[in-house]
Amino acid sequence: MPAISYQLYCSRNWALPETLAMLSAAGFTEVEGYGALFSNPGELEAGLQQTGLRMTTGHVGLAELEDDPQKAIEFAKRLGFEAIFAPYLVPEARPTNQVEWAAFANRLAEAGKPVQDAGLIYGWHNHDFELADIGDGITPLDLIAQASPDLKLELDIGWVIRAGADPVETINKYSSQINCAHIKDIAAPGQCVDEDGWADVGHGVVDWAPIHAALQVAGVNRYVIEHDNPNDHQRFASRSLAAVKEF
């Protein structure tokens, strides 16, 4: 079974000390960080030490990686990261055609070289817009993956499905570059409206058995549990961890 982590962005609406204590009590041993947490590394480091949690991966913005890669690397090593993933492009910054996406993919790969030279895994975390057809059946994620075989992917299964793509086919397509996966479930139509239509893992409509099987064939060794907007993060964390353990 892969290692199981928790993306702390899920709990952004709760205090960090409370969140870390809750996750430790629920049985988590790993967490994934995101940019807003890194402004106070002392608090974060203290919280991890007090709860015994390890921050094995983290999301760092592409601009931050380009502006000061050494700062990101030093922070990652201080907290024990194994991998850094650039996470997102705001709509106004997104390329609109194949040429622009290919240039972005090369930029992304170039920004990761210092991270990789430092011995860390580096890659991209997708949403749904990278699965859109930008002509001839090509997607932005195709161009990102093609930029460098060393550029890894943190494949977000929930966003793959929201994009209308088949998750098993997508896993098989990028299998050699998937380092870890975000495990995110989708609610049945009309349910969990106040949670943006996301569900606790194992309590939505996603059929996890074939997805888990494909991820294991691909050699993915870390699952990061995520929900973009839970109204009860303790419920989400405990129920999702139990479901993933049953995969």
Protein backbone atom coordinates (compact mmCIF):
# COMPACT_ATOMS: atom_id res chain seq x y z
CA MET A 1 0.00 0.00 0.00
CA PRO A 2 1.31 3.47 -0.80
CA ALA A 3 2.07 6.03 1.87
CA ILE A 4 -1.02 8.11 2.69
CA SER A 5 -0.73 11.87 3.12
CA TYR A 6 -3.13 14.78 3.65
CA GLN A 7 -3.10 18.05 1.73
CA LEU A 8 -3.27 20.75 4.38
CA TYR A 9 -5.08 23.09 1.98
CA CYS A 10 -8.20 21.08 2.87
CA SER A 11 -8.00 22.53 6.38
CA ARG A 12 -7.12 26.12 5.51
CA ASN A 13 -10.24 27.32 7.34
CA TRP A 14 -9.06 25.83 10.64
CA ALA A 15 -6.09 26.72 12.83
CA LEU A 16 -2.90 24.89 11.93
CA PRO A 17 -2.12 23.51 15.44
CA GLU A 18 -5.67 22.16 15.72
CA THR A 19 -5.42 20.61 12.26
CA LEU A 20 -2.10 18.89 12.88
CA ALA A 21 -3.29 17.49 16.22
CA MET A 22 -6.50 16.24 14.59
CA LEU A 23 -4.63 14.53 11.75
CA SER A 24 -2.20 12.85 14.10
CA ALA A 25 -5.05 11.58 16.26
CA ALA A 26 -6.87 10.32 13.17
CA GLY A 27 -3.88 8.19 12.21
CA PHE A 28 -2.10 10.20 9.57
CA THR A 29 1.70 10.20 9.53
CA GLU A 30 2.30 12.46 6.52
CA VAL A 31 1.01 15.80 5.27
CA GLU A 32 1.48 17.94 2.17
CA GLY A 33 2.10 21.64 2.52
CA TYR A 34 1.07 24.60 0.38
CA GLY A 35 2.36 28.11 -0.10
CA ALA A 36 0.42 30.05 2.53
CA LEU A 37 1.85 27.85 5.30
CA PHE A 38 5.43 28.61 4.40
CA SER A 39 5.35 32.23 5.58
CA ASN A 40 5.75 31.02 9.17
CA PRO A 41 8.13 28.06 9.00
CA GLY A 42 8.84 28.13 12.72
CA GLU A 43 5.20 27.51 13.65
CA LEU A 44 4.90 24.85 11.00
CA GLU A 45 8.06 23.05 12.05
CA ALA A 46 7.07 23.15 15.71
CA GLY A 47 3.64 21.77 14.93
CA LEU A 48 5.07 18.91 12.93
CA GLN A 49 7.53 18.04 15.69
CA GLN A 50 4.84 18.12 18.37
CA THR A 51 2.52 15.81 16.45
CA GLY A 52 5.09 13.51 14.85
CA LEU A 53 3.78 14.28 11.37
CA ARG A 54 6.16 14.48 8.40
CA MET A 55 5.72 16.95 5.56
CA THR A 56 6.95 14.79 2.70
CA THR A 57 5.71 16.91 -0.20
CA GLY A 58 4.73 20.52 -0.80
CA HIS A 59 3.22 22.88 -3.33
CA VAL A 60 5.41 25.85 -4.24
CA GLY A 61 4.36 28.42 -6.82
CA LEU A 62 6.25 28.54 -10.09
CA ALA A 63 7.02 32.24 -9.64
CA GLU A 64 8.59 31.54 -6.24
CA LEU A 65 10.68 28.74 -7.69
CA GLU A 66 11.90 30.99 -10.47
CA ASP A 67 12.55 34.01 -8.23
CA ASP A 68 14.47 32.21 -5.47
CA PRO A 69 14.91 28.48 -5.99
CA GLN A 70 17.43 28.16 -3.19
CA LYS A 71 14.98 29.55 -0.67
CA ALA A 72 12.42 26.94 -1.67
CA ILE A 73 15.03 24.18 -1.63
CA GLU A 74 16.37 25.14 1.79
CA PHE A 75 12.85 25.28 3.20
CA ALA A 76 11.97 21.92 1.67
CA LYS A 77 15.07 20.26 3.07
CA ARG A 78 14.55 21.83 6.48
CA LEU A 79 11.10 20.23 6.68
CA GLY A 80 12.07 16.95 5.06
CA PHE A 81 10.34 17.21 1.70
CA GLU A 82 10.92 14.48 -0.84
CA ALA A 83 9.18 16.38 -3.64
CA ILE A 84 8.11 19.87 -4.70
CA PHE A 85 5.17 20.36 -7.04
CA ALA A 86 4.23 23.58 -8.78
CA PRO A 87 0.47 23.66 -8.29
CA TYR A 88 -1.57 26.06 -10.37
CA LEU A 89 -1.97 28.79 -12.97
CA VAL A 90 -4.56 31.51 -12.44
CA PRO A 91 -6.92 31.84 -15.44
CA GLU A 92 -5.37 35.05 -16.77
CA ALA A 93 -1.90 33.43 -16.82
CA ARG A 94 -2.92 30.30 -18.73
CA PRO A 95 -1.68 29.78 -22.27
CA THR A 96 -4.35 29.51 -24.94
CA ASN A 97 -2.79 27.39 -27.69
CA GLN A 98 -0.24 24.65 -28.33
CA VAL A 99 2.68 27.00 -28.97
CA GLU A 100 2.09 28.90 -25.73
CA TRP A 101 1.57 25.72 -23.72
CA ALA A 102 4.76 24.19 -25.13
CA ALA A 103 6.66 27.32 -24.08
CA PHE A 104 5.12 27.13 -20.62
CA ALA A 105 6.05 23.44 -20.34
CA ASN A 106 9.67 24.24 -21.17
CA ARG A 107 9.62 27.07 -18.63
CA LEU A 108 8.24 24.70 -16.02
CA ALA A 109 10.91 22.10 -16.74
CA GLU A 110 13.67 24.71 -16.61
CA ALA A 111 12.46 26.05 -13.25
CA GLY A 112 12.75 22.58 -11.76
CA LYS A 113 16.38 21.97 -12.59
CA PRO A 114 17.77 23.50 -9.36
CA VAL A 115 15.25 21.47 -7.36
CA GLN A 116 16.24 18.26 -9.12
CA ASP A 117 19.95 19.10 -8.80
CA ALA A 118 19.36 19.37 -5.04
CA GLY A 119 18.13 15.78 -5.00
CA LEU A 120 14.41 16.50 -4.77
CA ILE A 121 11.61 15.26 -7.00
CA TYR A 122 9.98 18.03 -8.99
CA GLY A 123 6.77 18.19 -10.94
CA TRP A 124 3.38 19.65 -11.73
CA HIS A 125 0.01 19.26 -10.00
CA ASN A 126 -2.91 19.35 -12.42
CA HIS A 127 -6.43 20.72 -12.28
CA ASP A 128 -9.03 20.26 -15.00
CA PHE A 129 -7.84 22.88 -17.48
CA GLU A 130 -4.69 20.90 -18.36
CA LEU A 131 -6.90 18.11 -19.74
CA ALA A 132 -8.68 20.31 -22.29
CA ASP A 133 -8.19 19.57 -25.99
CA ILE A 134 -6.14 22.43 -27.48
CA GLY A 135 -6.14 20.96 -30.98
CA ASP A 136 -5.50 17.64 -32.69
CA GLY A 137 -6.40 15.78 -29.50
CA ILE A 138 -3.43 17.31 -27.65
CA THR A 139 -3.83 18.58 -24.10
CA PRO A 140 -1.67 20.94 -22.04
CA LEU A 141 -0.77 17.99 -19.80
CA ASP A 142 0.60 16.18 -22.85
CA LEU A 143 2.95 19.07 -23.54
CA ILE A 144 3.94 19.38 -19.88
CA ALA A 145 4.79 15.67 -19.73
CA GLN A 146 6.71 15.86 -22.98
CA ALA A 147 8.88 18.77 -21.81
CA SER A 148 11.16 16.45 -19.83
CA PRO A 149 11.02 12.83 -18.69
CA ASP A 150 12.33 14.06 -15.34
CA LEU A 151 9.35 16.35 -14.85
CA LYS A 152 6.99 14.33 -12.66
CA LEU A 153 3.26 14.62 -12.17
CA GLU A 154 1.14 14.74 -9.07
CA LEU A 155 -2.00 13.50 -10.77
CA ASP A 156 -5.21 14.83 -9.22
CA ILE A 157 -7.81 12.15 -9.89
CA GLY A 158 -10.77 14.33 -8.94
CA TRP A 159 -9.82 17.02 -11.44
CA VAL A 160 -9.12 14.43 -14.13
CA ILE A 161 -12.69 13.19 -13.74
CA ARG A 162 -14.12 16.72 -13.55
CA ALA A 163 -12.36 17.40 -16.87
CA GLY A 164 -14.30 14.55 -18.44
CA ALA A 165 -11.26 12.31 -18.90
CA ASP A 166 -11.13 8.63 -18.04
CA PRO A 167 -8.95 8.30 -14.93
CA VAL A 168 -7.57 4.84 -15.74
CA GLU A 169 -6.70 5.82 -19.30
CA THR A 170 -5.06 9.00 -18.00
CA ILE A 171 -3.01 7.07 -15.44
CA ASN A 172 -1.89 4.61 -18.10
CA LYS A 173 -0.99 7.43 -20.48
CA TYR A 174 1.31 9.20 -18.02
CA SER A 175 2.30 6.20 -15.92
CA SER A 176 6.06 6.66 -16.25
CA GLN A 177 5.89 10.20 -14.86
CA ILE A 178 3.31 9.98 -12.09
CA ASN A 179 5.07 10.34 -8.76
CA CYS A 180 2.03 10.57 -6.51
CA ALA A 181 -1.71 11.03 -6.80
CA HIS A 182 -4.30 13.27 -5.21
CA ILE A 183 -7.18 11.09 -4.09
CA LYS A 184 -10.30 13.24 -4.34
CA ASP A 185 -13.90 12.05 -4.59
CA ILE A 186 -16.92 13.59 -6.31
CA ALA A 187 -20.39 13.80 -4.82
CA ALA A 188 -23.49 12.53 -6.59
CA PRO A 189 -25.36 15.22 -8.54
CA GLY A 190 -27.18 17.58 -6.20
CA GLN A 191 -25.28 16.42 -3.11
CA CYS A 192 -22.60 18.27 -1.10
CA VAL A 193 -23.50 21.52 -2.83
CA ASP A 194 -22.06 23.50 0.10
CA GLU A 195 -18.79 21.60 -0.43
CA ASP A 196 -18.52 22.49 -4.13
CA GLY A 197 -19.67 19.04 -5.13
CA TRP A 198 -16.69 17.21 -3.63
CA ALA A 199 -17.18 14.25 -1.30
CA ASP A 200 -15.22 12.42 1.37
CA VAL A 201 -13.13 9.72 -0.28
CA GLY A 202 -15.16 6.54 -0.57
CA HIS A 203 -18.43 8.42 -0.05
CA GLY A 204 -18.84 9.80 -3.55
CA VAL A 205 -19.38 8.34 -6.99
CA VAL A 206 -15.80 7.53 -7.97
CA ASP A 207 -15.07 3.83 -8.53
CA TRP A 208 -11.71 3.57 -6.80
CA ALA A 209 -10.87 -0.11 -7.41
CA PRO A 210 -9.72 0.22 -11.06
CA ILE A 211 -8.05 3.56 -10.33
CA HIS A 212 -6.09 2.11 -7.42
CA ALA A 213 -5.11 -0.89 -9.54
CA ALA A 214 -3.85 1.35 -12.36
CA LEU A 215 -1.91 3.56 -9.95
CA GLN A 216 -0.23 0.50 -8.46
CA VAL A 217 0.74 -0.83 -11.89
CA ALA A 218 2.24 2.61 -12.53
CA GLY A 219 4.29 2.30 -9.34
CA VAL A 220 2.71 5.27 -7.55
CA ASN A 221 3.84 5.10 -3.94
CA ARG A 222 2.04 8.05 -2.30
CA TYR A 223 -1.64 8.96 -2.16
CA VAL A 224 -2.50 12.47 -0.97
CA ILE A 225 -6.06 12.75 0.32
CA GLU A 226 -7.77 16.00 -0.63
CA HIS A 227 -11.11 17.81 -0.57
CA ASP A 228 -11.15 21.40 -1.81
CA ASN A 229 -13.86 22.63 0.56
CA PRO A 230 -14.95 20.30 3.39
CA ASN A 231 -17.41 21.73 5.89
CA ASP A 232 -16.03 19.38 8.56
CA HIS A 233 -12.35 18.59 8.11
CA GLN A 234 -12.24 16.05 10.93
CA ARG A 235 -15.07 14.05 9.37
CA PHE A 236 -13.45 14.28 5.96
CA ALA A 237 -10.00 13.28 7.22
CA SER A 238 -11.11 10.30 9.30
CA ARG A 239 -13.60 8.87 6.80
CA SER A 240 -11.26 9.35 3.86
CA LEU A 241 -8.29 7.75 5.60
CA ALA A 242 -10.42 4.73 6.49
CA ALA A 243 -11.63 4.44 2.88
CA VAL A 244 -8.16 4.68 1.36
CA LYS A 245 -6.84 2.04 3.74
CA GLU A 246 -9.50 -0.28 2.33
CA PHE A 247 -8.36 0.21 -1.26
